[in-house]
Amino acid sequence: VFFWFDAAMIIHFFGALVFTEGNSRLPVFFLLAVPITLVSMYLTKVVLGIEFSDLVKPVVIMTTTATFLDGIALVWFRKLYSDSFEVSLHGAAWILWGAGLGLFFSYYFFKMLRLNQL
């Protein structure tokens, strides 16, 4: 919930400066989601006191929750993201992109680190 809310506030704060069609800053924010996701995963690892290879379950729970909250916010509380439907749509897509990155990296860490332990 914490990471989703942070992303929602980024969308709300930056709004049309970033999250609009054809905006040159939008791809930059999608690229920035990679280090943001990795930092979020590192913080999760530290807080839970687990190894990177054990992040799959917590990340699945976090990304599932973020996806549900993203859908709820987009349908019933869109103004949390922005007054503009376009900004809200692009912002929600950015959150889903971050969720996908989290799932990808957690699986990658699980496979690569577990294979190296064998």
PDB file of N, CA and C in Angstrom:
ATOM      1  N   VAL A   1       0.832  -1.189   0.000  1.00  0.00           N
ATOM      2  CA  VAL A   1       0.000   0.000   0.000  1.00  0.00           C
ATOM      3  C   VAL A   1       0.882   1.260   0.000  1.00  0.00           C
ATOM      4  N   PHE A   2       1.963   1.211   0.768  1.00  0.00           N
ATOM      5  CA  PHE A   2       2.852   2.360   0.880  1.00  0.00           C
ATOM      6  C   PHE A   2       3.438   2.759  -0.477  1.00  0.00           C
ATOM      7  N   PHE A   3       3.977   1.768  -1.207  1.00  0.00           N
ATOM      8  CA  PHE A   3       4.601   2.071  -2.495  1.00  0.00           C
ATOM      9  C   PHE A   3       3.563   2.510  -3.525  1.00  0.00           C
ATOM     10  N   TRP A   4       2.370   1.897  -3.492  1.00  0.00           N
ATOM     11  CA  TRP A   4       1.307   2.310  -4.418  1.00  0.00           C
ATOM     12  C   TRP A   4       0.915   3.770  -4.138  1.00  0.00           C
ATOM     13  N   PHE A   5       0.733   4.109  -2.861  1.00  0.00           N
ATOM     14  CA  PHE A   5       0.334   5.476  -2.516  1.00  0.00           C
ATOM     15  C   PHE A   5       1.409   6.479  -2.927  1.00  0.00           C
ATOM     16  N   ASP A   6       2.669   6.124  -2.737  1.00  0.00           N
ATOM     17  CA  ASP A   6       3.755   7.002  -3.192  1.00  0.00           C
ATOM     18  C   ASP A   6       3.658   7.241  -4.697  1.00  0.00           C
ATOM     19  N   ALA A   7       3.421   6.171  -5.457  1.00  0.00           N
ATOM     20  CA  ALA A   7       3.280   6.305  -6.915  1.00  0.00           C
ATOM     21  C   ALA A   7       2.070   7.161  -7.266  1.00  0.00           C
ATOM     22  N   ALA A   8       0.970   6.970  -6.539  1.00  0.00           N
ATOM     23  CA  ALA A   8      -0.232   7.775  -6.782  1.00  0.00           C
ATOM     24  C   ALA A   8       0.048   9.262  -6.537  1.00  0.00           C
ATOM     25  N   MET A   9       0.840   9.562  -5.513  1.00  0.00           N
ATOM     26  CA  MET A   9       1.173  10.958  -5.227  1.00  0.00           C
ATOM     27  C   MET A   9       2.131  11.531  -6.275  1.00  0.00           C
ATOM     28  N   ILE A  10       3.013  10.705  -6.824  1.00  0.00           N
ATOM     29  CA  ILE A  10       3.871  11.152  -7.927  1.00  0.00           C
ATOM     30  C   ILE A  10       3.014  11.524  -9.119  1.00  0.00           C
ATOM     31  N   ILE A  11       2.030  10.693  -9.432  1.00  0.00           N
ATOM     32  CA  ILE A  11       1.117  10.987 -10.545  1.00  0.00           C
ATOM     33  C   ILE A  11       0.357  12.276 -10.261  1.00  0.00           C
ATOM     34  N   HIS A  12      -0.161  12.399  -9.053  1.00  0.00           N
ATOM     35  CA  HIS A  12      -0.923  13.594  -8.684  1.00  0.00           C
ATOM     36  C   HIS A  12      -0.053  14.851  -8.768  1.00  0.00           C
ATOM     37  N   PHE A  13       1.179  14.759  -8.270  1.00  0.00           N
ATOM     38  CA  PHE A  13       2.062  15.916  -8.243  1.00  0.00           C
ATOM     39  C   PHE A  13       2.526  16.319  -9.643  1.00  0.00           C
ATOM     40  N   PHE A  14       2.991  15.365 -10.431  1.00  0.00           N
ATOM     41  CA  PHE A  14       3.538  15.687 -11.749  1.00  0.00           C
ATOM     42  C   PHE A  14       2.457  15.851 -12.808  1.00  0.00           C
ATOM     43  N   GLY A  15       1.351  15.145 -12.690  1.00  0.00           N
ATOM     44  CA  GLY A  15       0.191  15.309 -13.554  1.00  0.00           C
ATOM     45  C   GLY A  15       0.507  15.470 -15.023  1.00  0.00           C
ATOM     46  N   ALA A  16      -0.031  16.532 -15.607  1.00  0.00           N
ATOM     47  CA  ALA A  16       0.098  16.785 -17.043  1.00  0.00           C
ATOM     48  C   ALA A  16       1.528  17.128 -17.461  1.00  0.00           C
ATOM     49  N   LEU A  17       2.404  17.433 -16.508  1.00  0.00           N
ATOM     50  CA  LEU A  17       3.804  17.677 -16.863  1.00  0.00           C
ATOM     51  C   LEU A  17       4.472  16.419 -17.405  1.00  0.00           C
ATOM     52  N   VAL A  18       3.910  15.256 -17.046  1.00  0.00           N
ATOM     53  CA  VAL A  18       4.516  13.982 -17.445  1.00  0.00           C
ATOM     54  C   VAL A  18       3.515  13.041 -18.106  1.00  0.00           C
ATOM     55  N   PHE A  19       2.369  12.836 -17.481  1.00  0.00           N
ATOM     56  CA  PHE A  19       1.469  11.745 -17.824  1.00  0.00           C
ATOM     57  C   PHE A  19       0.415  12.128 -18.868  1.00  0.00           C
ATOM     58  N   THR A  20       0.883  12.561 -20.030  1.00  0.00           N
ATOM     59  CA  THR A  20      -0.009  12.873 -21.144  1.00  0.00           C
ATOM     60  C   THR A  20       0.535  12.247 -22.424  1.00  0.00           C
ATOM     61  N   GLU A  21      -0.355  12.008 -23.362  1.00  0.00           N
ATOM     62  CA  GLU A  21       0.018  11.373 -24.626  1.00  0.00           C
ATOM     63  C   GLU A  21       1.013  12.235 -25.400  1.00  0.00           C
ATOM     64  N   GLY A  22       2.047  11.596 -25.898  1.00  0.00           N
ATOM     65  CA  GLY A  22       3.043  12.295 -26.691  1.00  0.00           C
ATOM     66  C   GLY A  22       4.032  13.115 -25.876  1.00  0.00           C
ATOM     67  N   ASN A  23       3.919  13.079 -24.570  1.00  0.00           N
ATOM     68  CA  ASN A  23       4.814  13.845 -23.712  1.00  0.00           C
ATOM     69  C   ASN A  23       6.186  13.181 -23.694  1.00  0.00           C
ATOM     70  N   SER A  24       7.233  13.935 -23.978  1.00  0.00           N
ATOM     71  CA  SER A  24       8.585  13.364 -24.032  1.00  0.00           C
ATOM     72  C   SER A  24       9.082  12.921 -22.666  1.00  0.00           C
ATOM     73  N   ARG A  25       8.478  13.400 -21.589  1.00  0.00           N
ATOM     74  CA  ARG A  25       8.887  12.989 -20.243  1.00  0.00           C
ATOM     75  C   ARG A  25       8.306  11.627 -19.846  1.00  0.00           C
ATOM     76  N   LEU A  26       7.239  11.212 -20.511  1.00  0.00           N
ATOM     77  CA  LEU A  26       6.581   9.959 -20.137  1.00  0.00           C
ATOM     78  C   LEU A  26       7.506   8.750 -20.267  1.00  0.00           C
ATOM     79  N   PRO A  27       8.211   8.569 -21.391  1.00  0.00           N
ATOM     80  CA  PRO A  27       9.134   7.428 -21.458  1.00  0.00           C
ATOM     81  C   PRO A  27      10.242   7.497 -20.406  1.00  0.00           C
ATOM     82  N   VAL A  28      10.657   8.708 -20.060  1.00  0.00           N
ATOM     83  CA  VAL A  28      11.682   8.874 -19.018  1.00  0.00           C
ATOM     84  C   VAL A  28      11.150   8.347 -17.689  1.00  0.00           C
ATOM     85  N   PHE A  29       9.900   8.653 -17.376  1.00  0.00           N
ATOM     86  CA  PHE A  29       9.312   8.172 -16.127  1.00  0.00           C
ATOM     87  C   PHE A  29       9.143   6.654 -16.140  1.00  0.00           C
ATOM     88  N   PHE A  30       8.826   6.098 -17.309  1.00  0.00           N
ATOM     89  CA  PHE A  30       8.745   4.647 -17.393  1.00  0.00           C
ATOM     90  C   PHE A  30      10.123   4.030 -17.163  1.00  0.00           C
ATOM     91  N   LEU A  31      11.177   4.645 -17.676  1.00  0.00           N
ATOM     92  CA  LEU A  31      12.529   4.157 -17.418  1.00  0.00           C
ATOM     93  C   LEU A  31      12.921   4.349 -15.952  1.00  0.00           C
ATOM     94  N   LEU A  32      12.514   5.478 -15.372  1.00  0.00           N
ATOM     95  CA  LEU A  32      12.815   5.731 -13.958  1.00  0.00           C
ATOM     96  C   LEU A  32      12.127   4.724 -13.040  1.00  0.00           C
ATOM     97  N   ALA A  33      11.078   4.103 -13.528  1.00  0.00           N
ATOM     98  CA  ALA A  33      10.387   3.092 -12.725  1.00  0.00           C
ATOM     99  C   ALA A  33      11.301   1.911 -12.411  1.00  0.00           C
ATOM    100  N   VAL A  34      12.300   1.663 -13.259  1.00  0.00           N
ATOM    101  CA  VAL A  34      13.221   0.539 -13.024  1.00  0.00           C
ATOM    102  C   VAL A  34      14.015   0.760 -11.735  1.00  0.00           C
ATOM    103  N   PRO A  35      14.767   1.849 -11.587  1.00  0.00           N
ATOM    104  CA  PRO A  35      15.490   2.021 -10.318  1.00  0.00           C
ATOM    105  C   PRO A  35      14.553   2.234  -9.125  1.00  0.00           C
ATOM    106  N   ILE A  36      13.424   2.876  -9.345  1.00  0.00           N
ATOM    107  CA  ILE A  36      12.466   3.067  -8.246  1.00  0.00           C
ATOM    108  C   ILE A  36      11.985   1.705  -7.747  1.00  0.00           C
ATOM    109  N   THR A  37      11.690   0.807  -8.676  1.00  0.00           N
ATOM    110  CA  THR A  37      11.240  -0.540  -8.306  1.00  0.00           C
ATOM    111  C   THR A  37      12.344  -1.289  -7.564  1.00  0.00           C
ATOM    112  N   LEU A  38      13.573  -1.191  -8.057  1.00  0.00           N
ATOM    113  CA  LEU A  38      14.680  -1.886  -7.399  1.00  0.00           C
ATOM    114  C   LEU A  38      14.936  -1.349  -5.989  1.00  0.00           C
ATOM    115  N   VAL A  39      14.833  -0.045  -5.814  1.00  0.00           N
ATOM    116  CA  VAL A  39      14.990   0.542  -4.477  1.00  0.00           C
ATOM    117  C   VAL A  39      13.852   0.080  -3.565  1.00  0.00           C
ATOM    118  N   SER A  40      12.646   0.045  -4.083  1.00  0.00           N
ATOM    119  CA  SER A  40      11.501  -0.430  -3.301  1.00  0.00           C
ATOM    120  C   SER A  40      11.696  -1.877  -2.870  1.00  0.00           C
ATOM    121  N   MET A  41      12.231  -2.681  -3.776  1.00  0.00           N
ATOM    122  CA  MET A  41      12.484  -4.083  -3.443  1.00  0.00           C
ATOM    123  C   MET A  41      13.591  -4.197  -2.390  1.00  0.00           C
ATOM    124  N   TYR A  42      14.607  -3.371  -2.505  1.00  0.00           N
ATOM    125  CA  TYR A  42      15.681  -3.383  -1.511  1.00  0.00           C
ATOM    126  C   TYR A  42      15.129  -2.997  -0.132  1.00  0.00           C
ATOM    127  N   LEU A  43      14.302  -1.954  -0.085  1.00  0.00           N
ATOM    128  CA  LEU A  43      13.706  -1.541   1.190  1.00  0.00           C
ATOM    129  C   LEU A  43      12.841  -2.651   1.775  1.00  0.00           C
ATOM    130  N   THR A  44      12.100  -3.337   0.920  1.00  0.00           N
ATOM    131  CA  THR A  44      11.277  -4.460   1.377  1.00  0.00           C
ATOM    132  C   THR A  44      12.161  -5.565   1.955  1.00  0.00           C
ATOM    133  N   LYS A  45      13.245  -5.857   1.269  1.00  0.00           N
ATOM    134  CA  LYS A  45      14.202  -6.867   1.731  1.00  0.00           C
ATOM    135  C   LYS A  45      14.744  -6.504   3.113  1.00  0.00           C
ATOM    136  N   VAL A  46      15.123  -5.252   3.288  1.00  0.00           N
ATOM    137  CA  VAL A  46      15.694  -4.805   4.562  1.00  0.00           C
ATOM    138  C   VAL A  46      14.652  -4.852   5.675  1.00  0.00           C
ATOM    139  N   VAL A  47      13.470  -4.320   5.406  1.00  0.00           N
ATOM    140  CA  VAL A  47      12.420  -4.275   6.433  1.00  0.00           C
ATOM    141  C   VAL A  47      12.013  -5.680   6.862  1.00  0.00           C
ATOM    142  N   LEU A  48      11.895  -6.597   5.890  1.00  0.00           N
ATOM    143  CA  LEU A  48      11.481  -7.962   6.216  1.00  0.00           C
ATOM    144  C   LEU A  48      12.639  -8.848   6.673  1.00  0.00           C
ATOM    145  N   GLY A  49      13.863  -8.373   6.472  1.00  0.00           N
ATOM    146  CA  GLY A  49      15.026  -9.153   6.877  1.00  0.00           C
ATOM    147  C   GLY A  49      15.176 -10.447   6.094  1.00  0.00           C
ATOM    148  N   ILE A  50      14.956 -10.374   4.787  1.00  0.00           N
ATOM    149  CA  ILE A  50      15.043 -11.568   3.941  1.00  0.00           C
ATOM    150  C   ILE A  50      16.086 -11.356   2.850  1.00  0.00           C
ATOM    151  N   GLU A  51      16.388 -12.413   2.144  1.00  0.00           N
ATOM    152  CA  GLU A  51      17.322 -12.349   1.021  1.00  0.00           C
ATOM    153  C   GLU A  51      16.574 -11.950  -0.250  1.00  0.00           C
ATOM    154  N   PHE A  52      17.319 -11.461  -1.237  1.00  0.00           N
ATOM    155  CA  PHE A  52      16.705 -11.113  -2.518  1.00  0.00           C
ATOM    156  C   PHE A  52      15.992 -12.313  -3.138  1.00  0.00           C
ATOM    157  N   SER A  53      16.542 -13.487  -2.950  1.00  0.00           N
ATOM    158  CA  SER A  53      15.938 -14.681  -3.534  1.00  0.00           C
ATOM    159  C   SER A  53      14.601 -15.039  -2.890  1.00  0.00           C
ATOM    160  N   ASP A  54      14.296 -14.441  -1.741  1.00  0.00           N
ATOM    161  CA  ASP A  54      13.037 -14.709  -1.042  1.00  0.00           C
ATOM    162  C   ASP A  54      11.993 -13.619  -1.247  1.00  0.00           C
ATOM    163  N   LEU A  55      12.210 -12.738  -2.196  1.00  0.00           N
ATOM    164  CA  LEU A  55      11.300 -11.614  -2.405  1.00  0.00           C
ATOM    165  C   LEU A  55      10.036 -11.957  -3.212  1.00  0.00           C
ATOM    166  N   VAL A  56       9.977 -13.135  -3.810  1.00  0.00           N
ATOM    167  CA  VAL A  56       8.852 -13.430  -4.697  1.00  0.00           C
ATOM    168  C   VAL A  56       7.516 -13.310  -3.974  1.00  0.00           C
ATOM    169  N   LYS A  57       7.357 -13.978  -2.849  1.00  0.00           N
ATOM    170  CA  LYS A  57       6.059 -13.952  -2.151  1.00  0.00           C
ATOM    171  C   LYS A  57       5.665 -12.544  -1.699  1.00  0.00           C
ATOM    172  N   PRO A  58       6.551 -11.802  -1.020  1.00  0.00           N
ATOM    173  CA  PRO A  58       6.154 -10.448  -0.633  1.00  0.00           C
ATOM    174  C   PRO A  58       5.836  -9.549  -1.834  1.00  0.00           C
ATOM    175  N   VAL A  59       6.607  -9.687  -2.907  1.00  0.00           N
ATOM    176  CA  VAL A  59       6.371  -8.845  -4.084  1.00  0.00           C
ATOM    177  C   VAL A  59       5.049  -9.215  -4.752  1.00  0.00           C
ATOM    178  N   VAL A  60       4.717 -10.491  -4.795  1.00  0.00           N
ATOM    179  CA  VAL A  60       3.422 -10.891  -5.359  1.00  0.00           C
ATOM    180  C   VAL A  60       2.290 -10.273  -4.547  1.00  0.00           C
ATOM    181  N   ILE A  61       2.399 -10.312  -3.244  1.00  0.00           N
ATOM    182  CA  ILE A  61       1.368  -9.707  -2.387  1.00  0.00           C
ATOM    183  C   ILE A  61       1.298  -8.201  -2.617  1.00  0.00           C
ATOM    184  N   MET A  62       2.463  -7.550  -2.668  1.00  0.00           N
ATOM    185  CA  MET A  62       2.491  -6.094  -2.846  1.00  0.00           C
ATOM    186  C   MET A  62       1.954  -5.682  -4.218  1.00  0.00           C
ATOM    187  N   THR A  63       2.348  -6.385  -5.264  1.00  0.00           N
ATOM    188  CA  THR A  63       1.915  -5.985  -6.607  1.00  0.00           C
ATOM    189  C   THR A  63       0.448  -6.319  -6.838  1.00  0.00           C
ATOM    190  N   THR A  64      -0.028  -7.411  -6.251  1.00  0.00           N
ATOM    191  CA  THR A  64      -1.463  -7.727  -6.349  1.00  0.00           C
ATOM    192  C   THR A  64      -2.273  -6.639  -5.661  1.00  0.00           C
ATOM    193  N   THR A  65      -1.836  -6.235  -4.488  1.00  0.00           N
ATOM    194  CA  THR A  65      -2.522  -5.166  -3.755  1.00  0.00           C
ATOM    195  C   THR A  65      -2.486  -3.863  -4.548  1.00  0.00           C
ATOM    196  N   ALA A  66      -1.316  -3.530  -5.095  1.00  0.00           N
ATOM    197  CA  ALA A  66      -1.190  -2.290  -5.875  1.00  0.00           C
ATOM    198  C   ALA A  66      -2.074  -2.325  -7.112  1.00  0.00           C
ATOM    199  N   THR A  67      -2.178  -3.489  -7.757  1.00  0.00           N
ATOM    200  CA  THR A  67      -3.020  -3.612  -8.944  1.00  0.00           C
ATOM    201  C   THR A  67      -4.486  -3.417  -8.588  1.00  0.00           C
ATOM    202  N   PHE A  68      -4.927  -4.040  -7.500  1.00  0.00           N
ATOM    203  CA  PHE A  68      -6.310  -3.836  -7.049  1.00  0.00           C
ATOM    204  C   PHE A  68      -6.569  -2.374  -6.705  1.00  0.00           C
ATOM    205  N   LEU A  69      -5.655  -1.761  -5.954  1.00  0.00           N
ATOM    206  CA  LEU A  69      -5.831  -0.357  -5.569  1.00  0.00           C
ATOM    207  C   LEU A  69      -5.815   0.557  -6.780  1.00  0.00           C
ATOM    208  N   ASP A  70      -4.966   0.242  -7.746  1.00  0.00           N
ATOM    209  CA  ASP A  70      -4.897   1.018  -8.983  1.00  0.00           C
ATOM    210  C   ASP A  70      -6.236   0.964  -9.723  1.00  0.00           C
ATOM    211  N   GLY A  71      -6.795  -0.221  -9.839  1.00  0.00           N
ATOM    212  CA  GLY A  71      -8.093  -0.369 -10.507  1.00  0.00           C
ATOM    213  C   GLY A  71      -9.204   0.356  -9.768  1.00  0.00           C
ATOM    214  N   ILE A  72      -9.225   0.222  -8.458  1.00  0.00           N
ATOM    215  CA  ILE A  72     -10.244   0.901  -7.644  1.00  0.00           C
ATOM    216  C   ILE A  72     -10.108   2.411  -7.773  1.00  0.00           C
ATOM    217  N   ALA A  73      -8.866   2.895  -7.673  1.00  0.00           N
ATOM    218  CA  ALA A  73      -8.637   4.338  -7.773  1.00  0.00           C
ATOM    219  C   ALA A  73      -9.032   4.863  -9.151  1.00  0.00           C
ATOM    220  N   LEU A  74      -8.690   4.126 -10.184  1.00  0.00           N
ATOM    221  CA  LEU A  74      -8.982   4.588 -11.547  1.00  0.00           C
ATOM    222  C   LEU A  74     -10.484   4.642 -11.805  1.00  0.00           C
ATOM    223  N   VAL A  75     -11.226   3.701 -11.267  1.00  0.00           N
ATOM    224  CA  VAL A  75     -12.674   3.654 -11.523  1.00  0.00           C
ATOM    225  C   VAL A  75     -13.458   4.569 -10.591  1.00  0.00           C
ATOM    226  N   TRP A  76     -13.181   4.508  -9.284  1.00  0.00           N
ATOM    227  CA  TRP A  76     -14.037   5.219  -8.331  1.00  0.00           C
ATOM    228  C   TRP A  76     -13.390   6.443  -7.671  1.00  0.00           C
ATOM    229  N   PHE A  77     -12.083   6.534  -7.691  1.00  0.00           N
ATOM    230  CA  PHE A  77     -11.411   7.651  -7.027  1.00  0.00           C
ATOM    231  C   PHE A  77     -10.357   8.268  -7.947  1.00  0.00           C
ATOM    232  N   ARG A  78     -10.728   8.443  -9.203  1.00  0.00           N
ATOM    233  CA  ARG A  78      -9.793   8.894 -10.222  1.00  0.00           C
ATOM    234  C   ARG A  78      -9.121  10.203  -9.864  1.00  0.00           C
ATOM    235  N   LYS A  79      -9.806  11.066  -9.166  1.00  0.00           N
ATOM    236  CA  LYS A  79      -9.235  12.386  -8.851  1.00  0.00           C
ATOM    237  C   LYS A  79      -8.075  12.288  -7.863  1.00  0.00           C
ATOM    238  N   LEU A  80      -7.895  11.119  -7.261  1.00  0.00           N
ATOM    239  CA  LEU A  80      -6.692  10.907  -6.459  1.00  0.00           C
ATOM    240  C   LEU A  80      -5.462  11.049  -7.346  1.00  0.00           C
ATOM    241  N   TYR A  81      -5.564  10.571  -8.581  1.00  0.00           N
ATOM    242  CA  TYR A  81      -4.474  10.701  -9.537  1.00  0.00           C
ATOM    243  C   TYR A  81      -4.487  12.087 -10.171  1.00  0.00           C
ATOM    244  N   SER A  82      -5.641  12.476 -10.720  1.00  0.00           N
ATOM    245  CA  SER A  82      -5.730  13.758 -11.423  1.00  0.00           C
ATOM    246  C   SER A  82      -7.182  14.056 -11.773  1.00  0.00           C
ATOM    247  N   ASP A  83      -7.464  15.323 -12.036  1.00  0.00           N
ATOM    248  CA  ASP A  83      -8.772  15.694 -12.575  1.00  0.00           C
ATOM    249  C   ASP A  83      -8.909  15.243 -14.025  1.00  0.00           C
ATOM    250  N   SER A  84      -7.799  15.075 -14.683  1.00  0.00           N
ATOM    251  CA  SER A  84      -7.772  14.694 -16.093  1.00  0.00           C
ATOM    252  C   SER A  84      -7.809  13.177 -16.243  1.00  0.00           C
ATOM    253  N   PHE A  85      -8.744  12.700 -17.067  1.00  0.00           N
ATOM    254  CA  PHE A  85      -8.800  11.265 -17.331  1.00  0.00           C
ATOM    255  C   PHE A  85      -7.526  10.792 -18.021  1.00  0.00           C
ATOM    256  N   GLU A  86      -6.998  11.593 -18.933  1.00  0.00           N
ATOM    257  CA  GLU A  86      -5.781  11.220 -19.657  1.00  0.00           C
ATOM    258  C   GLU A  86      -4.606  11.021 -18.698  1.00  0.00           C
ATOM    259  N   VAL A  87      -4.432  11.948 -17.784  1.00  0.00           N
ATOM    260  CA  VAL A  87      -3.347  11.841 -16.798  1.00  0.00           C
ATOM    261  C   VAL A  87      -3.567  10.611 -15.922  1.00  0.00           C
ATOM    262  N   SER A  88      -4.798  10.401 -15.484  1.00  0.00           N
ATOM    263  CA  SER A  88      -5.100   9.249 -14.641  1.00  0.00           C
ATOM    264  C   SER A  88      -4.821   7.939 -15.369  1.00  0.00           C
ATOM    265  N   LEU A  89      -5.197   7.875 -16.634  1.00  0.00           N
ATOM    266  CA  LEU A  89      -4.986   6.666 -17.427  1.00  0.00           C
ATOM    267  C   LEU A  89      -3.498   6.362 -17.594  1.00  0.00           C
ATOM    268  N   HIS A  90      -2.728   7.367 -17.986  1.00  0.00           N
ATOM    269  CA  HIS A  90      -1.287   7.158 -18.153  1.00  0.00           C
ATOM    270  C   HIS A  90      -0.603   6.872 -16.812  1.00  0.00           C
ATOM    271  N   GLY A  91      -1.064   7.520 -15.772  1.00  0.00           N
ATOM    272  CA  GLY A  91      -0.504   7.277 -14.443  1.00  0.00           C
ATOM    273  C   GLY A  91      -0.800   5.867 -13.952  1.00  0.00           C
ATOM    274  N   ALA A  92      -2.026   5.406 -14.164  1.00  0.00           N
ATOM    275  CA  ALA A  92      -2.381   4.040 -13.770  1.00  0.00           C
ATOM    276  C   ALA A  92      -1.548   3.027 -14.555  1.00  0.00           C
ATOM    277  N   ALA A  93      -1.319   3.311 -15.823  1.00  0.00           N
ATOM    278  CA  ALA A  93      -0.466   2.424 -16.633  1.00  0.00           C
ATOM    279  C   ALA A  93       0.954   2.405 -16.084  1.00  0.00           C
ATOM    280  N   TRP A  94       1.440   3.538 -15.614  1.00  0.00           N
ATOM    281  CA  TRP A  94       2.779   3.612 -15.023  1.00  0.00           C
ATOM    282  C   TRP A  94       2.861   2.748 -13.764  1.00  0.00           C
ATOM    283  N   ILE A  95       1.813   2.782 -12.941  1.00  0.00           N
ATOM    284  CA  ILE A  95       1.783   1.940 -11.741  1.00  0.00           C
ATOM    285  C   ILE A  95       1.781   0.464 -12.133  1.00  0.00           C
ATOM    286  N   LEU A  96       0.990   0.103 -13.135  1.00  0.00           N
ATOM    287  CA  LEU A  96       0.972  -1.296 -13.585  1.00  0.00           C
ATOM    288  C   LEU A  96       2.328  -1.717 -14.142  1.00  0.00           C
ATOM    289  N   TRP A  97       2.996  -0.806 -14.834  1.00  0.00           N
ATOM    290  CA  TRP A  97       4.346  -1.075 -15.338  1.00  0.00           C
ATOM    291  C   TRP A  97       5.287  -1.381 -14.167  1.00  0.00           C
ATOM    292  N   GLY A  98       5.208  -0.575 -13.114  1.00  0.00           N
ATOM    293  CA  GLY A  98       6.030  -0.801 -11.931  1.00  0.00           C
ATOM    294  C   GLY A  98       5.717  -2.134 -11.265  1.00  0.00           C
ATOM    295  N   ALA A  99       4.441  -2.502 -11.222  1.00  0.00           N
ATOM    296  CA  ALA A  99       4.063  -3.806 -10.664  1.00  0.00           C
ATOM    297  C   ALA A  99       4.664  -4.936 -11.493  1.00  0.00           C
ATOM    298  N   GLY A 100       4.598  -4.802 -12.801  1.00  0.00           N
ATOM    299  CA  GLY A 100       5.190  -5.807 -13.680  1.00  0.00           C
ATOM    300  C   GLY A 100       6.690  -5.911 -13.489  1.00  0.00           C
ATOM    301  N   LEU A 101       7.348  -4.766 -13.340  1.00  0.00           N
ATOM    302  CA  LEU A 101       8.791  -4.776 -13.090  1.00  0.00           C
ATOM    303  C   LEU A 101       9.124  -5.490 -11.778  1.00  0.00           C
ATOM    304  N   GLY A 102       8.336  -5.214 -10.747  1.00  0.00           N
ATOM    305  CA  GLY A 102       8.556  -5.874  -9.456  1.00  0.00           C
ATOM    306  C   GLY A 102       8.435  -7.381  -9.573  1.00  0.00           C
ATOM    307  N   LEU A 103       7.416  -7.837 -10.284  1.00  0.00           N
ATOM    308  CA  LEU A 103       7.250  -9.278 -10.471  1.00  0.00           C
ATOM    309  C   LEU A 103       8.416  -9.867 -11.266  1.00  0.00           C
ATOM    310  N   PHE A 104       8.803  -9.177 -12.328  1.00  0.00           N
ATOM    311  CA  PHE A 104       9.915  -9.652 -13.150  1.00  0.00           C
ATOM    312  C   PHE A 104      11.206  -9.757 -12.340  1.00  0.00           C
ATOM    313  N   PHE A 105      11.559  -8.681 -11.637  1.00  0.00           N
ATOM    314  CA  PHE A 105      12.810  -8.681 -10.883  1.00  0.00           C
ATOM    315  C   PHE A 105      12.794  -9.692  -9.738  1.00  0.00           C
ATOM    316  N   SER A 106      11.666  -9.841  -9.054  1.00  0.00           N
ATOM    317  CA  SER A 106      11.632 -10.810  -7.954  1.00  0.00           C
ATOM    318  C   SER A 106      11.804 -12.231  -8.488  1.00  0.00           C
ATOM    319  N   TYR A 107      11.196 -12.524  -9.619  1.00  0.00           N
ATOM    320  CA  TYR A 107      11.369 -13.848 -10.220  1.00  0.00           C
ATOM    321  C   TYR A 107      12.811 -14.031 -10.699  1.00  0.00           C
ATOM    322  N   TYR A 108      13.360 -13.006 -11.298  1.00  0.00           N
ATOM    323  CA  TYR A 108      14.743 -13.054 -11.763  1.00  0.00           C
ATOM    324  C   TYR A 108      15.703 -13.323 -10.598  1.00  0.00           C
ATOM    325  N   PHE A 109      15.541 -12.569  -9.509  1.00  0.00           N
ATOM    326  CA  PHE A 109      16.397 -12.776  -8.339  1.00  0.00           C
ATOM    327  C   PHE A 109      16.233 -14.190  -7.785  1.00  0.00           C
ATOM    328  N   PHE A 110      14.996 -14.656  -7.737  1.00  0.00           N
ATOM    329  CA  PHE A 110      14.726 -15.995  -7.237  1.00  0.00           C
ATOM    330  C   PHE A 110      15.442 -17.041  -8.084  1.00  0.00           C
ATOM    331  N   LYS A 111      15.269 -16.963  -9.390  1.00  0.00           N
ATOM    332  CA  LYS A 111      15.869 -17.961 -10.280  1.00  0.00           C
ATOM    333  C   LYS A 111      17.396 -17.870 -10.284  1.00  0.00           C
ATOM    334  N   MET A 112      17.920 -16.675 -10.449  1.00  0.00           N
ATOM    335  CA  MET A 112      19.367 -16.530 -10.574  1.00  0.00           C
ATOM    336  C   MET A 112      20.099 -16.836  -9.265  1.00  0.00           C
ATOM    337  N   LEU A 113      19.578 -16.358  -8.159  1.00  0.00           N
ATOM    338  CA  LEU A 113      20.261 -16.568  -6.891  1.00  0.00           C
ATOM    339  C   LEU A 113      20.097 -17.998  -6.395  1.00  0.00           C
ATOM    340  N   ARG A 114      18.940 -18.586  -6.630  1.00  0.00           N
ATOM    341  CA  ARG A 114      18.734 -19.986  -6.222  1.00  0.00           C
ATOM    342  C   ARG A 114      19.569 -20.925  -7.079  1.00  0.00           C
ATOM    343  N   LEU A 115      19.684 -20.644  -8.366  1.00  0.00           N
ATOM    344  CA  LEU A 115      20.482 -21.499  -9.236  1.00  0.00           C
ATOM    345  C   LEU A 115      21.957 -21.439  -8.853  1.00  0.00           C
ATOM    346  N   ASN A 116      22.419 -20.281  -8.428  1.00  0.00           N
ATOM    347  CA  ASN A 116      23.817 -20.126  -8.040  1.00  0.00           C
ATOM    348  C   ASN A 116      24.132 -20.790  -6.692  1.00  0.00           C
ATOM    349  N   GLN A 117      23.090 -21.060  -5.886  1.00  0.00           N
ATOM    350  CA  GLN A 117      23.298 -21.702  -4.592  1.00  0.00           C
ATOM    351  C   GLN A 117      23.409 -23.218  -4.730  1.00  0.00           C
ATOM    352  N   LEU A 118      22.974 -23.763  -5.854  1.00  0.00           N
ATOM    353  CA  LEU A 118      22.987 -25.230  -6.030  1.00  0.00           C
ATOM    354  C   LEU A 118      24.354 -25.773  -6.314  1.00  0.00           C
TER     355      LEU A 118
END
